[in-house]
Amino acid sequence: MRRRFSNLAAGLSFVLLIAMCFTWAHSFLAHDTLSRTVNGGSYRQSWSVTVLSGSMIVERDYSGVAVGQTPAEWGYSTGADSRWLLASISELNPAWNLLGFSLARTEWGEAHPPNAIWVLTVPLWFFAMLLSILPVRWFIRHRQEHRRLLLAARGYCPACRADLRTCYDAKCPSCAAMRWKAAT
């Protein structure tokens, strides 16, 4: 059961890795934005996730504008011309910026709590690296198992590669490892 779950998780991770690679390539052609806006009494809060130029940009906008209470709204937008979006993000001074990761915060106004925008940028290579861990681990494990079975089928010890074709003991004379039965 554990092996089946591991294989399923590695397969799902590999499919998501392929999808992430296509998303990364598409992000250089156009931007995609998924957003959610909540208007509640005396504030307006919106969250948006944008994929643009090889990065995922998560933005939280909180403003104390009295707009009345309305239900939450979801939105999706896409576009080929993303120069305006890059310009507006570059105007924010990041608090830190390292290897494509950045965090920026801007406040304005006299409201309490103040109007603020938080922008977190995460490069898509980071997600691809995380998604590649399970498939690489699966590949290495199956390659080692295949090598062990191949050595056992040819009459060698899988642990130390000693020649066992003339030895009829249950253990390897070199390393005392139990002999593997070759699959027939």
C-alpha atoms as a PDB file:
ATOM      1  CA  MET A   1       0.000   0.000   0.000  1.00  0.00           C
ATOM      2  CA  ARG A   2       2.832   2.369   0.868  1.00  0.00           C
ATOM      3  CA  ARG A   3       4.556   1.764  -2.475  1.00  0.00           C
ATOM      4  CA  ARG A   4       1.310   2.356  -4.362  1.00  0.00           C
ATOM      5  CA  PHE A   5       0.820   5.680  -2.572  1.00  0.00           C
ATOM      6  CA  SER A   6       4.428   6.641  -3.293  1.00  0.00           C
ATOM      7  CA  ASN A   7       4.023   5.803  -6.982  1.00  0.00           C
ATOM      8  CA  LEU A   8       0.754   7.735  -7.170  1.00  0.00           C
ATOM      9  CA  ALA A   9       2.277  10.773  -5.438  1.00  0.00           C
ATOM     10  CA  ALA A  10       5.301  10.702  -7.760  1.00  0.00           C
ATOM     11  CA  GLY A  11       3.053  10.431 -10.831  1.00  0.00           C
ATOM     12  CA  LEU A  12       0.842  13.302  -9.694  1.00  0.00           C
ATOM     13  CA  SER A  13       3.904  15.399  -8.914  1.00  0.00           C
ATOM     14  CA  PHE A  14       5.296  14.672 -12.390  1.00  0.00           C
ATOM     15  CA  VAL A  15       2.023  15.739 -14.058  1.00  0.00           C
ATOM     16  CA  LEU A  16       2.002  18.968 -12.000  1.00  0.00           C
ATOM     17  CA  LEU A  17       5.658  19.532 -12.941  1.00  0.00           C
ATOM     18  CA  ILE A  18       4.777  19.324 -16.637  1.00  0.00           C
ATOM     19  CA  ALA A  19       1.856  21.739 -16.074  1.00  0.00           C
ATOM     20  CA  MET A  20       4.195  24.115 -14.210  1.00  0.00           C
ATOM     21  CA  CYS A  21       6.653  24.062 -17.123  1.00  0.00           C
ATOM     22  CA  PHE A  22       3.852  24.974 -19.547  1.00  0.00           C
ATOM     23  CA  THR A  23       2.696  27.725 -17.159  1.00  0.00           C
ATOM     24  CA  TRP A  24       6.247  29.070 -16.981  1.00  0.00           C
ATOM     25  CA  ALA A  25       6.535  29.165 -20.782  1.00  0.00           C
ATOM     26  CA  HIS A  26       3.083  30.780 -21.114  1.00  0.00           C
ATOM     27  CA  SER A  27       3.960  33.434 -18.517  1.00  0.00           C
ATOM     28  CA  PHE A  28       6.399  35.034 -20.954  1.00  0.00           C
ATOM     29  CA  LEU A  29       3.694  35.385 -23.613  1.00  0.00           C
ATOM     30  CA  ALA A  30       0.787  36.662 -21.495  1.00  0.00           C
ATOM     31  CA  HIS A  31      -0.193  37.251 -17.896  1.00  0.00           C
ATOM     32  CA  ASP A  32      -2.996  35.428 -16.073  1.00  0.00           C
ATOM     33  CA  THR A  33      -4.633  36.844 -12.948  1.00  0.00           C
ATOM     34  CA  LEU A  34      -7.044  35.216 -10.515  1.00  0.00           C
ATOM     35  CA  SER A  35      -8.523  37.641  -7.993  1.00  0.00           C
ATOM     36  CA  ARG A  36     -10.999  37.785  -5.120  1.00  0.00           C
ATOM     37  CA  THR A  37     -12.476  40.998  -3.756  1.00  0.00           C
ATOM     38  CA  VAL A  38     -14.426  41.420  -0.514  1.00  0.00           C
ATOM     39  CA  ASN A  39     -16.290  44.631   0.266  1.00  0.00           C
ATOM     40  CA  GLY A  40     -17.365  44.742   3.868  1.00  0.00           C
ATOM     41  CA  GLY A  41     -18.819  47.837   5.499  1.00  0.00           C
ATOM     42  CA  SER A  42     -15.868  50.205   5.872  1.00  0.00           C
ATOM     43  CA  TYR A  43     -13.120  48.351   4.050  1.00  0.00           C
ATOM     44  CA  ARG A  44     -12.247  46.709   0.755  1.00  0.00           C
ATOM     45  CA  GLN A  45      -9.858  43.794   0.653  1.00  0.00           C
ATOM     46  CA  SER A  46      -8.662  42.040  -2.476  1.00  0.00           C
ATOM     47  CA  TRP A  47      -6.311  39.167  -3.154  1.00  0.00           C
ATOM     48  CA  SER A  48      -4.847  38.393  -6.537  1.00  0.00           C
ATOM     49  CA  VAL A  49      -2.457  35.798  -7.914  1.00  0.00           C
ATOM     50  CA  THR A  50      -0.745  36.727 -11.179  1.00  0.00           C
ATOM     51  CA  VAL A  51       1.585  34.592 -13.269  1.00  0.00           C
ATOM     52  CA  LEU A  52       3.877  36.903 -15.214  1.00  0.00           C
ATOM     53  CA  SER A  53       7.396  36.704 -16.703  1.00  0.00           C
ATOM     54  CA  GLY A  54       8.400  33.489 -14.969  1.00  0.00           C
ATOM     55  CA  SER A  55       7.083  34.536 -11.550  1.00  0.00           C
ATOM     56  CA  MET A  56       3.976  34.131  -9.446  1.00  0.00           C
ATOM     57  CA  ILE A  57       2.924  37.400  -7.834  1.00  0.00           C
ATOM     58  CA  VAL A  58       0.584  37.278  -4.835  1.00  0.00           C
ATOM     59  CA  GLU A  59      -0.911  40.674  -3.983  1.00  0.00           C
ATOM     60  CA  ARG A  60      -3.055  41.705  -0.996  1.00  0.00           C
ATOM     61  CA  ASP A  61      -4.694  45.112  -1.214  1.00  0.00           C
ATOM     62  CA  TYR A  62      -6.457  46.502   1.864  1.00  0.00           C
ATOM     63  CA  SER A  63      -8.123  49.881   1.704  1.00  0.00           C
ATOM     64  CA  GLY A  64     -10.412  51.586   4.166  1.00  0.00           C
ATOM     65  CA  VAL A  65     -12.802  52.844   1.509  1.00  0.00           C
ATOM     66  CA  ALA A  66     -16.478  52.795   2.508  1.00  0.00           C
ATOM     67  CA  VAL A  67     -18.129  51.021  -0.409  1.00  0.00           C
ATOM     68  CA  GLY A  68     -20.943  49.174   1.300  1.00  0.00           C
ATOM     69  CA  GLN A  69     -21.163  45.489   2.023  1.00  0.00           C
ATOM     70  CA  THR A  70     -21.356  43.177  -0.992  1.00  0.00           C
ATOM     71  CA  PRO A  71     -20.621  39.481  -1.429  1.00  0.00           C
ATOM     72  CA  ALA A  72     -17.154  38.337  -2.374  1.00  0.00           C
ATOM     73  CA  GLU A  73     -16.401  38.476  -6.084  1.00  0.00           C
ATOM     74  CA  TRP A  74     -14.038  36.219  -8.006  1.00  0.00           C
ATOM     75  CA  GLY A  75     -12.382  37.351 -11.203  1.00  0.00           C
ATOM     76  CA  TYR A  76     -10.049  36.071 -13.886  1.00  0.00           C
ATOM     77  CA  SER A  77      -8.220  38.107 -16.474  1.00  0.00           C
ATOM     78  CA  THR A  78      -5.560  37.445 -19.036  1.00  0.00           C
ATOM     79  CA  GLY A  79      -3.720  39.639 -21.463  1.00  0.00           C
ATOM     80  CA  ALA A  80      -0.804  39.748 -23.821  1.00  0.00           C
ATOM     81  CA  ASP A  81       0.343  43.295 -22.985  1.00  0.00           C
ATOM     82  CA  SER A  82       1.683  43.175 -19.440  1.00  0.00           C
ATOM     83  CA  ARG A  83       4.023  46.205 -19.523  1.00  0.00           C
ATOM     84  CA  TRP A  84       1.636  48.206 -17.328  1.00  0.00           C
ATOM     85  CA  LEU A  85       1.577  45.426 -14.733  1.00  0.00           C
ATOM     86  CA  LEU A  86       5.375  45.132 -14.662  1.00  0.00           C
ATOM     87  CA  ALA A  87       5.662  48.926 -14.303  1.00  0.00           C
ATOM     88  CA  SER A  88       3.215  49.081 -11.371  1.00  0.00           C
ATOM     89  CA  ILE A  89       4.996  46.247  -9.533  1.00  0.00           C
ATOM     90  CA  SER A  90       8.433  47.751 -10.117  1.00  0.00           C
ATOM     91  CA  GLU A  91       7.270  51.027  -8.501  1.00  0.00           C
ATOM     92  CA  LEU A  92       6.996  49.221  -5.154  1.00  0.00           C
ATOM     93  CA  ASN A  93      10.247  49.148  -3.214  1.00  0.00           C
ATOM     94  CA  PRO A  94      10.773  45.584  -2.018  1.00  0.00           C
ATOM     95  CA  ALA A  95      11.651  45.034   1.633  1.00  0.00           C
ATOM     96  CA  TRP A  96      13.853  42.156   0.451  1.00  0.00           C
ATOM     97  CA  ASN A  97      14.753  40.657  -2.880  1.00  0.00           C
ATOM     98  CA  LEU A  98      16.773  37.462  -3.281  1.00  0.00           C
ATOM     99  CA  LEU A  99      17.005  34.992  -6.204  1.00  0.00           C
ATOM    100  CA  GLY A 100      13.717  36.200  -7.664  1.00  0.00           C
ATOM    101  CA  PHE A 101      11.839  36.117  -4.335  1.00  0.00           C
ATOM    102  CA  SER A 102      10.691  39.517  -3.143  1.00  0.00           C
ATOM    103  CA  LEU A 103       8.325  41.078  -0.642  1.00  0.00           C
ATOM    104  CA  ALA A 104       7.077  44.645  -0.869  1.00  0.00           C
ATOM    105  CA  ARG A 105       4.660  46.663   1.259  1.00  0.00           C
ATOM    106  CA  THR A 106       3.289  50.135   0.698  1.00  0.00           C
ATOM    107  CA  GLU A 107       1.010  52.128   3.028  1.00  0.00           C
ATOM    108  CA  TRP A 108      -0.849  55.348   2.403  1.00  0.00           C
ATOM    109  CA  GLY A 109      -3.627  57.460   3.901  1.00  0.00           C
ATOM    110  CA  GLU A 110      -4.715  58.283   7.429  1.00  0.00           C
ATOM    111  CA  ALA A 111      -7.157  55.401   7.897  1.00  0.00           C
ATOM    112  CA  HIS A 112      -6.813  52.952  10.759  1.00  0.00           C
ATOM    113  CA  PRO A 113      -5.708  50.336   9.823  1.00  0.00           C
ATOM    114  CA  PRO A 114      -3.838  52.119   7.055  1.00  0.00           C
ATOM    115  CA  ASN A 115      -4.422  51.402   3.401  1.00  0.00           C
ATOM    116  CA  ALA A 116      -1.784  48.905   2.373  1.00  0.00           C
ATOM    117  CA  ILE A 117      -0.617  46.716  -0.482  1.00  0.00           C
ATOM    118  CA  TRP A 118       1.492  43.626   0.117  1.00  0.00           C
ATOM    119  CA  VAL A 119       3.187  42.009  -2.884  1.00  0.00           C
ATOM    120  CA  LEU A 120       5.005  38.664  -2.654  1.00  0.00           C
ATOM    121  CA  THR A 121       6.868  37.429  -5.736  1.00  0.00           C
ATOM    122  CA  VAL A 122       7.950  33.792  -6.038  1.00  0.00           C
ATOM    123  CA  PRO A 123       9.771  32.523  -9.147  1.00  0.00           C
ATOM    124  CA  LEU A 124       8.180  29.571 -10.927  1.00  0.00           C
ATOM    125  CA  TRP A 125      11.501  27.667 -10.939  1.00  0.00           C
ATOM    126  CA  PHE A 126      11.029  27.249  -7.181  1.00  0.00           C
ATOM    127  CA  PHE A 127       7.717  25.413  -7.674  1.00  0.00           C
ATOM    128  CA  ALA A 128       9.254  23.310 -10.452  1.00  0.00           C
ATOM    129  CA  MET A 129      12.117  22.355  -8.135  1.00  0.00           C
ATOM    130  CA  LEU A 130       9.691  21.327  -5.367  1.00  0.00           C
ATOM    131  CA  LEU A 131       7.545  19.331  -7.785  1.00  0.00           C
ATOM    132  CA  SER A 132      10.560  17.489  -9.199  1.00  0.00           C
ATOM    133  CA  ILE A 133      11.652  15.976  -5.851  1.00  0.00           C
ATOM    134  CA  LEU A 134       9.234  13.014  -5.831  1.00  0.00           C
ATOM    135  CA  PRO A 135       9.689  11.997  -9.502  1.00  0.00           C
ATOM    136  CA  VAL A 136      13.494  12.102  -9.177  1.00  0.00           C
ATOM    137  CA  ARG A 137      13.341  10.066  -5.963  1.00  0.00           C
ATOM    138  CA  TRP A 138      11.032   7.540  -7.673  1.00  0.00           C
ATOM    139  CA  PHE A 139      13.380   7.252 -10.668  1.00  0.00           C
ATOM    140  CA  ILE A 140      16.465   6.690  -8.487  1.00  0.00           C
ATOM    141  CA  ARG A 141      14.702   4.089  -6.312  1.00  0.00           C
ATOM    142  CA  HIS A 142      13.415   2.110  -9.308  1.00  0.00           C
ATOM    143  CA  ARG A 143      16.759   2.248 -11.069  1.00  0.00           C
ATOM    144  CA  GLN A 144      18.519   0.833  -7.979  1.00  0.00           C
ATOM    145  CA  GLU A 145      15.936  -1.923  -7.651  1.00  0.00           C
ATOM    146  CA  HIS A 146      16.284  -2.776 -11.341  1.00  0.00           C
ATOM    147  CA  ARG A 147      20.081  -2.942 -10.935  1.00  0.00           C
ATOM    148  CA  ARG A 148      19.771  -5.303  -7.949  1.00  0.00           C
ATOM    149  CA  LEU A 149      17.417  -7.619  -9.811  1.00  0.00           C
ATOM    150  CA  LEU A 150      19.651  -7.587 -12.893  1.00  0.00           C
ATOM    151  CA  LEU A 151      22.731  -8.487 -10.825  1.00  0.00           C
ATOM    152  CA  ALA A 152      20.847 -11.299  -9.067  1.00  0.00           C
ATOM    153  CA  ALA A 153      19.621 -12.655 -12.405  1.00  0.00           C
ATOM    154  CA  ARG A 154      23.186 -12.736 -13.726  1.00  0.00           C
ATOM    155  CA  GLY A 155      24.468 -14.555 -10.611  1.00  0.00           C
ATOM    156  CA  TYR A 156      26.136 -11.692  -8.748  1.00  0.00           C
ATOM    157  CA  CYS A 157      25.602 -10.436  -5.206  1.00  0.00           C
ATOM    158  CA  PRO A 158      23.447  -7.276  -5.331  1.00  0.00           C
ATOM    159  CA  ALA A 159      25.211  -5.826  -2.275  1.00  0.00           C
ATOM    160  CA  CYS A 160      28.907  -6.276  -3.157  1.00  0.00           C
ATOM    161  CA  ARG A 161      28.779  -7.589  -6.764  1.00  0.00           C
ATOM    162  CA  ALA A 162      30.695 -10.776  -5.893  1.00  0.00           C
ATOM    163  CA  ASP A 163      30.348 -13.676  -8.333  1.00  0.00           C
ATOM    164  CA  LEU A 164      27.897 -16.210  -6.821  1.00  0.00           C
ATOM    165  CA  ARG A 165      27.527 -18.509  -9.818  1.00  0.00           C
ATOM    166  CA  THR A 166      29.701 -21.209  -8.234  1.00  0.00           C
ATOM    167  CA  CYS A 167      28.569 -20.621  -4.629  1.00  0.00           C
ATOM    168  CA  TYR A 168      25.549 -22.583  -3.395  1.00  0.00           C
ATOM    169  CA  ASP A 169      25.274 -21.085   0.115  1.00  0.00           C
ATOM    170  CA  ALA A 170      22.296 -18.996   1.174  1.00  0.00           C
ATOM    171  CA  LYS A 171      24.650 -16.106   1.984  1.00  0.00           C
ATOM    172  CA  CYS A 172      27.284 -14.289  -0.019  1.00  0.00           C
ATOM    173  CA  PRO A 173      30.790 -15.425   1.063  1.00  0.00           C
ATOM    174  CA  SER A 174      32.167 -11.877   0.689  1.00  0.00           C
ATOM    175  CA  CYS A 175      29.645  -9.732   2.559  1.00  0.00           C
ATOM    176  CA  ALA A 176      27.275 -12.287   4.198  1.00  0.00           C
ATOM    177  CA  ALA A 177      24.252 -10.749   2.504  1.00  0.00           C
ATOM    178  CA  MET A 178      21.338 -13.065   1.789  1.00  0.00           C
ATOM    179  CA  ARG A 179      21.107 -14.199  -1.813  1.00  0.00           C
ATOM    180  CA  TRP A 180      18.385 -12.728  -3.952  1.00  0.00           C
ATOM    181  CA  LYS A 181      16.249 -15.010  -6.003  1.00  0.00           C
ATOM    182  CA  ALA A 182      16.199 -13.912  -9.607  1.00  0.00           C
ATOM    183  CA  ALA A 183      12.744 -13.260 -11.004  1.00  0.00           C
ATOM    184  CA  THR A 184      11.853 -15.790 -13.681  1.00  0.00           C
END
